[in-house]
């Protein structure tokens, strides 16, 4: 029944974006401390890159840092 509920309602995933350093992180649960989240560099041409650019631009009102 839990699996059916997840399929019909979808699942939520909380992400962290560091717009000044080109990093993103995914929380294991919604209650995780952001300071303890494992972060990784944003890889170009991925879903994470697309989300990173969109969120950072809308929040910071400037183009985010682009890792090389």
PDB file of N, CA and C in Angstrom:
ATOM      1  N   UNK A   1       0.815  -1.191   0.000  1.00  0.00           N
ATOM      2  CA  UNK A   1       0.000   0.000   0.000  1.00  0.00           C
ATOM      3  C   UNK A   1       0.867   1.267   0.000  1.00  0.00           C
ATOM      4  N   UNK A   2       1.984   1.229   0.744  1.00  0.00           N
ATOM      5  CA  UNK A   2       2.890   2.382   0.765  1.00  0.00           C
ATOM      6  C   UNK A   2       3.479   2.646  -0.619  1.00  0.00           C
ATOM      7  N   UNK A   3       3.830   1.590  -1.308  1.00  0.00           N
ATOM      8  CA  UNK A   3       4.405   1.732  -2.663  1.00  0.00           C
ATOM      9  C   UNK A   3       3.379   2.348  -3.604  1.00  0.00           C
ATOM     10  N   UNK A   4       2.128   1.912  -3.513  1.00  0.00           N
ATOM     11  CA  UNK A   4       1.063   2.463  -4.357  1.00  0.00           C
ATOM     12  C   UNK A   4       0.870   3.945  -4.068  1.00  0.00           C
ATOM     13  N   UNK A   5       0.887   4.314  -2.810  1.00  0.00           N
ATOM     14  CA  UNK A   5       0.725   5.709  -2.422  1.00  0.00           C
ATOM     15  C   UNK A   5       1.862   6.560  -2.993  1.00  0.00           C
ATOM     16  N   UNK A   6       3.084   6.046  -2.932  1.00  0.00           N
ATOM     17  CA  UNK A   6       4.223   6.783  -3.495  1.00  0.00           C
ATOM     18  C   UNK A   6       4.085   6.955  -5.004  1.00  0.00           C
ATOM     19  N   UNK A   7       3.606   5.927  -5.682  1.00  0.00           N
ATOM     20  CA  UNK A   7       3.443   6.003  -7.138  1.00  0.00           C
ATOM     21  C   UNK A   7       2.349   6.999  -7.505  1.00  0.00           C
ATOM     22  N   UNK A   8       1.233   6.961  -6.813  1.00  0.00           N
ATOM     23  CA  UNK A   8       0.117   7.841  -7.169  1.00  0.00           C
ATOM     24  C   UNK A   8       0.330   9.285  -6.713  1.00  0.00           C
ATOM     25  N   UNK A   9       1.008   9.486  -5.587  1.00  0.00           N
ATOM     26  CA  UNK A   9       1.233  10.837  -5.071  1.00  0.00           C
ATOM     27  C   UNK A   9       2.568  11.428  -5.496  1.00  0.00           C
ATOM     28  N   UNK A  10       3.463  10.600  -5.987  1.00  0.00           N
ATOM     29  CA  UNK A  10       4.797  11.070  -6.344  1.00  0.00           C
ATOM     30  C   UNK A  10       5.688  11.115  -5.116  1.00  0.00           C
ATOM     31  N   UNK A  11       6.917  11.481  -5.327  1.00  0.00           N
ATOM     32  CA  UNK A  11       7.843  11.604  -4.204  1.00  0.00           C
ATOM     33  C   UNK A  11       8.479  12.986  -4.244  1.00  0.00           C
ATOM     34  N   UNK A  12       8.917  13.427  -3.094  1.00  0.00           N
ATOM     35  CA  UNK A  12       9.547  14.737  -2.990  1.00  0.00           C
ATOM     36  C   UNK A  12      11.027  14.542  -2.764  1.00  0.00           C
ATOM     37  N   UNK A  13      11.827  15.407  -3.389  1.00  0.00           N
ATOM     38  CA  UNK A  13      13.267  15.349  -3.205  1.00  0.00           C
ATOM     39  C   UNK A  13      13.764  16.773  -2.981  1.00  0.00           C
ATOM     40  N   UNK A  14      14.422  16.986  -1.877  1.00  0.00           N
ATOM     41  CA  UNK A  14      14.948  18.295  -1.523  1.00  0.00           C
ATOM     42  C   UNK A  14      16.389  18.392  -2.016  1.00  0.00           C
ATOM     43  N   UNK A  15      16.720  19.487  -2.716  1.00  0.00           N
ATOM     44  CA  UNK A  15      18.061  19.680  -3.263  1.00  0.00           C
ATOM     45  C   UNK A  15      18.664  20.972  -2.733  1.00  0.00           C
ATOM     46  N   UNK A  16      19.981  21.010  -2.669  1.00  0.00           N
ATOM     47  CA  UNK A  16      20.722  22.189  -2.246  1.00  0.00           C
ATOM     48  C   UNK A  16      21.519  22.687  -3.440  1.00  0.00           C
ATOM     49  N   UNK A  17      21.464  23.989  -3.709  1.00  0.00           N
ATOM     50  CA  UNK A  17      22.239  24.586  -4.792  1.00  0.00           C
ATOM     51  C   UNK A  17      23.131  25.675  -4.219  1.00  0.00           C
ATOM     52  N   UNK A  18      24.434  25.565  -4.438  1.00  0.00           N
ATOM     53  CA  UNK A  18      25.386  26.603  -4.035  1.00  0.00           C
ATOM     54  C   UNK A  18      25.739  27.375  -5.301  1.00  0.00           C
ATOM     55  N   UNK A  19      25.058  28.494  -5.500  1.00  0.00           N
ATOM     56  CA  UNK A  19      25.163  29.264  -6.741  1.00  0.00           C
ATOM     57  C   UNK A  19      26.488  29.992  -6.887  1.00  0.00           C
ATOM     58  N   UNK A  20      27.218  30.169  -5.820  1.00  0.00           N
ATOM     59  CA  UNK A  20      28.508  30.864  -5.872  1.00  0.00           C
ATOM     60  C   UNK A  20      29.677  29.923  -6.123  1.00  0.00           C
ATOM     61  N   UNK A  21      29.469  28.617  -5.896  1.00  0.00           N
ATOM     62  CA  UNK A  21      30.563  27.656  -6.036  1.00  0.00           C
ATOM     63  C   UNK A  21      30.300  26.565  -7.067  1.00  0.00           C
ATOM     64  N   UNK A  22      29.115  26.539  -7.668  1.00  0.00           N
ATOM     65  CA  UNK A  22      28.807  25.526  -8.670  1.00  0.00           C
ATOM     66  C   UNK A  22      28.617  24.144  -8.084  1.00  0.00           C
ATOM     67  N   UNK A  23      27.969  24.066  -6.908  1.00  0.00           N
ATOM     68  CA  UNK A  23      27.766  22.785  -6.246  1.00  0.00           C
ATOM     69  C   UNK A  23      26.286  22.494  -6.077  1.00  0.00           C
ATOM     70  N   UNK A  24      25.968  21.203  -6.033  1.00  0.00           N
ATOM     71  CA  UNK A  24      24.611  20.799  -5.700  1.00  0.00           C
ATOM     72  C   UNK A  24      24.681  19.621  -4.744  1.00  0.00           C
ATOM     73  N   UNK A  25      23.631  19.472  -3.966  1.00  0.00           N
ATOM     74  CA  UNK A  25      23.552  18.383  -3.006  1.00  0.00           C
ATOM     75  C   UNK A  25      22.125  17.892  -2.904  1.00  0.00           C
ATOM     76  N   UNK A  26      21.981  16.649  -2.545  1.00  0.00           N
ATOM     77  CA  UNK A  26      20.661  16.048  -2.384  1.00  0.00           C
ATOM     78  C   UNK A  26      20.542  15.567  -0.947  1.00  0.00           C
ATOM     79  N   UNK A  27      19.451  15.936  -0.310  1.00  0.00           N
ATOM     80  CA  UNK A  27      19.208  15.535   1.068  1.00  0.00           C
ATOM     81  C   UNK A  27      18.663  14.112   1.092  1.00  0.00           C
ATOM     82  N   UNK A  28      19.058  13.346   2.081  1.00  0.00           N
ATOM     83  CA  UNK A  28      18.513  11.993   2.238  1.00  0.00           C
ATOM     84  C   UNK A  28      17.097  12.038   2.778  1.00  0.00           C
ATOM     85  N   UNK A  29      16.845  13.002   3.665  1.00  0.00           N
ATOM     86  CA  UNK A  29      15.489  13.213   4.170  1.00  0.00           C
ATOM     87  C   UNK A  29      15.274  14.718   4.299  1.00  0.00           C
ATOM     88  N   UNK A  30      14.036  15.126   4.408  1.00  0.00           N
ATOM     89  CA  UNK A  30      13.734  16.557   4.448  1.00  0.00           C
ATOM     90  C   UNK A  30      14.215  17.219   5.722  1.00  0.00           C
ATOM     91  N   UNK A  31      14.554  16.446   6.738  1.00  0.00           N
ATOM     92  CA  UNK A  31      14.998  16.997   8.014  1.00  0.00           C
ATOM     93  C   UNK A  31      16.516  17.100   8.133  1.00  0.00           C
ATOM     94  N   UNK A  32      17.254  16.715   7.095  1.00  0.00           N
ATOM     95  CA  UNK A  32      18.714  16.764   7.138  1.00  0.00           C
ATOM     96  C   UNK A  32      19.221  18.188   7.323  1.00  0.00           C
ATOM     97  N   UNK A  33      20.339  18.308   8.011  1.00  0.00           N
ATOM     98  CA  UNK A  33      21.007  19.585   8.209  1.00  0.00           C
ATOM     99  C   UNK A  33      21.756  19.952   6.920  1.00  0.00           C
ATOM    100  N   UNK A  34      21.509  21.134   6.343  1.00  0.00           N
ATOM    101  CA  UNK A  34      22.202  21.522   5.105  1.00  0.00           C
ATOM    102  C   UNK A  34      23.723  21.507   5.233  1.00  0.00           C
ATOM    103  N   UNK A  35      24.259  21.757   6.424  1.00  0.00           N
ATOM    104  CA  UNK A  35      25.706  21.764   6.612  1.00  0.00           C
ATOM    105  C   UNK A  35      26.308  20.362   6.474  1.00  0.00           C
ATOM    106  N   UNK A  36      25.509  19.333   6.655  1.00  0.00           N
ATOM    107  CA  UNK A  36      26.006  17.960   6.585  1.00  0.00           C
ATOM    108  C   UNK A  36      25.682  17.268   5.258  1.00  0.00           C
ATOM    109  N   UNK A  37      25.083  17.997   4.331  1.00  0.00           N
ATOM    110  CA  UNK A  37      24.716  17.416   3.043  1.00  0.00           C
ATOM    111  C   UNK A  37      25.951  17.220   2.178  1.00  0.00           C
ATOM    112  N   UNK A  38      26.058  16.074   1.551  1.00  0.00           N
ATOM    113  CA  UNK A  38      27.152  15.797   0.633  1.00  0.00           C
ATOM    114  C   UNK A  38      26.927  16.609  -0.636  1.00  0.00           C
ATOM    115  N   UNK A  39      27.892  17.423  -1.011  1.00  0.00           N
ATOM    116  CA  UNK A  39      27.763  18.230  -2.226  1.00  0.00           C
ATOM    117  C   UNK A  39      28.728  17.730  -3.288  1.00  0.00           C
ATOM    118  N   UNK A  40      28.326  17.916  -4.539  1.00  0.00           N
ATOM    119  CA  UNK A  40      29.159  17.528  -5.674  1.00  0.00           C
ATOM    120  C   UNK A  40      29.141  18.672  -6.686  1.00  0.00           C
ATOM    121  N   UNK A  41      30.169  18.758  -7.524  1.00  0.00           N
ATOM    122  CA  UNK A  41      30.161  19.795  -8.561  1.00  0.00           C
ATOM    123  C   UNK A  41      29.029  19.549  -9.567  1.00  0.00           C
ATOM    124  N   UNK A  42      28.492  20.631 -10.084  1.00  0.00           N
ATOM    125  CA  UNK A  42      27.444  20.534 -11.101  1.00  0.00           C
ATOM    126  C   UNK A  42      28.093  20.055 -12.401  1.00  0.00           C
ATOM    127  N   UNK A  43      27.577  18.970 -12.954  1.00  0.00           N
ATOM    128  CA  UNK A  43      28.099  18.462 -14.228  1.00  0.00           C
ATOM    129  C   UNK A  43      27.321  19.089 -15.371  1.00  0.00           C
ATOM    130  N   UNK A  44      28.015  19.572 -16.396  1.00  0.00           N
ATOM    131  CA  UNK A  44      27.329  20.206 -17.531  1.00  0.00           C
ATOM    132  C   UNK A  44      26.385  19.248 -18.262  1.00  0.00           C
ATOM    133  N   UNK A  45      25.326  19.824 -18.807  1.00  0.00           N
ATOM    134  CA  UNK A  45      24.360  19.103 -19.645  1.00  0.00           C
ATOM    135  C   UNK A  45      23.664  17.950 -18.919  1.00  0.00           C
ATOM    136  N   UNK A  46      23.323  18.160 -17.660  1.00  0.00           N
ATOM    137  CA  UNK A  46      22.580  17.168 -16.888  1.00  0.00           C
ATOM    138  C   UNK A  46      21.317  17.820 -16.340  1.00  0.00           C
ATOM    139  N   UNK A  47      20.440  17.007 -15.773  1.00  0.00           N
ATOM    140  CA  UNK A  47      19.238  17.545 -15.142  1.00  0.00           C
ATOM    141  C   UNK A  47      19.621  18.463 -13.993  1.00  0.00           C
ATOM    142  N   UNK A  48      20.647  18.077 -13.227  1.00  0.00           N
ATOM    143  CA  UNK A  48      21.118  18.908 -12.126  1.00  0.00           C
ATOM    144  C   UNK A  48      21.615  20.258 -12.604  1.00  0.00           C
ATOM    145  N   UNK A  49      22.288  20.285 -13.737  1.00  0.00           N
ATOM    146  CA  UNK A  49      22.773  21.537 -14.327  1.00  0.00           C
ATOM    147  C   UNK A  49      21.606  22.429 -14.728  1.00  0.00           C
ATOM    148  N   UNK A  50      20.610  21.846 -15.351  1.00  0.00           N
ATOM    149  CA  UNK A  50      19.428  22.611 -15.772  1.00  0.00           C
ATOM    150  C   UNK A  50      18.713  23.216 -14.558  1.00  0.00           C
ATOM    151  N   UNK A  51      18.518  22.409 -13.526  1.00  0.00           N
ATOM    152  CA  UNK A  51      17.863  22.902 -12.312  1.00  0.00           C
ATOM    153  C   UNK A  51      18.715  23.954 -11.609  1.00  0.00           C
ATOM    154  N   UNK A  52      20.012  23.718 -11.548  1.00  0.00           N
ATOM    155  CA  UNK A  52      20.949  24.652 -10.920  1.00  0.00           C
ATOM    156  C   UNK A  52      20.853  26.032 -11.577  1.00  0.00           C
ATOM    157  N   UNK A  53      20.925  26.062 -12.888  1.00  0.00           N
ATOM    158  CA  UNK A  53      20.871  27.346 -13.610  1.00  0.00           C
ATOM    159  C   UNK A  53      19.529  28.049 -13.402  1.00  0.00           C
ATOM    160  N   UNK A  54      18.450  27.297 -13.491  1.00  0.00           N
ATOM    161  CA  UNK A  54      17.115  27.894 -13.371  1.00  0.00           C
ATOM    162  C   UNK A  54      16.872  28.446 -11.969  1.00  0.00           C
ATOM    163  N   UNK A  55      17.181  27.650 -10.956  1.00  0.00           N
ATOM    164  CA  UNK A  55      16.937  28.084  -9.576  1.00  0.00           C
ATOM    165  C   UNK A  55      17.854  29.243  -9.209  1.00  0.00           C
ATOM    166  N   UNK A  56      19.130  29.121  -9.501  1.00  0.00           N
ATOM    167  CA  UNK A  56      20.072  30.176  -9.129  1.00  0.00           C
ATOM    168  C   UNK A  56      19.736  31.496  -9.822  1.00  0.00           C
ATOM    169  N   UNK A  57      19.383  31.442 -11.084  1.00  0.00           N
ATOM    170  CA  UNK A  57      19.053  32.675 -11.795  1.00  0.00           C
ATOM    171  C   UNK A  57      17.812  33.336 -11.202  1.00  0.00           C
ATOM    172  N   UNK A  58      16.815  32.542 -10.881  1.00  0.00           N
ATOM    173  CA  UNK A  58      15.577  33.106 -10.327  1.00  0.00           C
ATOM    174  C   UNK A  58      15.761  33.638  -8.905  1.00  0.00           C
ATOM    175  N   UNK A  59      16.617  33.005  -8.142  1.00  0.00           N
ATOM    176  CA  UNK A  59      16.823  33.434  -6.758  1.00  0.00           C
ATOM    177  C   UNK A  59      17.827  34.588  -6.673  1.00  0.00           C
ATOM    178  N   UNK A  60      18.949  34.455  -7.390  1.00  0.00           N
ATOM    179  CA  UNK A  60      20.027  35.443  -7.282  1.00  0.00           C
ATOM    180  C   UNK A  60      19.872  36.611  -8.266  1.00  0.00           C
ATOM    181  N   UNK A  61      19.032  36.443  -9.285  1.00  0.00           N
ATOM    182  CA  UNK A  61      18.823  37.461 -10.323  1.00  0.00           C
ATOM    183  C   UNK A  61      20.116  37.790 -11.070  1.00  0.00           C
ATOM    184  N   UNK A  62      20.953  36.788 -11.211  1.00  0.00           N
ATOM    185  CA  UNK A  62      22.182  36.908 -12.003  1.00  0.00           C
ATOM    186  C   UNK A  62      22.583  35.511 -12.439  1.00  0.00           C
ATOM    187  N   UNK A  63      23.428  35.422 -13.439  1.00  0.00           N
ATOM    188  CA  UNK A  63      23.878  34.122 -13.901  1.00  0.00           C
ATOM    189  C   UNK A  63      24.718  33.456 -12.820  1.00  0.00           C
ATOM    190  N   UNK A  64      24.505  32.174 -12.568  1.00  0.00           N
ATOM    191  CA  UNK A  64      25.270  31.477 -11.536  1.00  0.00           C
ATOM    192  C   UNK A  64      26.678  31.172 -12.009  1.00  0.00           C
ATOM    193  N   UNK A  65      27.519  30.812 -11.062  1.00  0.00           N
ATOM    194  CA  UNK A  65      28.890  30.393 -11.360  1.00  0.00           C
ATOM    195  C   UNK A  65      28.835  29.156 -12.262  1.00  0.00           C
ATOM    196  N   UNK A  66      29.638  29.145 -13.295  1.00  0.00           N
ATOM    197  CA  UNK A  66      29.699  28.004 -14.206  1.00  0.00           C
ATOM    198  C   UNK A  66      31.038  27.302 -14.059  1.00  0.00           C
ATOM    199  N   UNK A  67      31.036  26.106 -13.484  1.00  0.00           N
ATOM    200  CA  UNK A  67      32.302  25.374 -13.357  1.00  0.00           C
ATOM    201  C   UNK A  67      32.859  25.009 -14.724  1.00  0.00           C
ATOM    202  N   UNK A  68      34.140  24.934 -14.807  1.00  0.00           N
ATOM    203  CA  UNK A  68      34.792  24.639 -16.098  1.00  0.00           C
ATOM    204  C   UNK A  68      35.160  23.174 -16.195  1.00  0.00           C
TER     205      UNK A  68
END
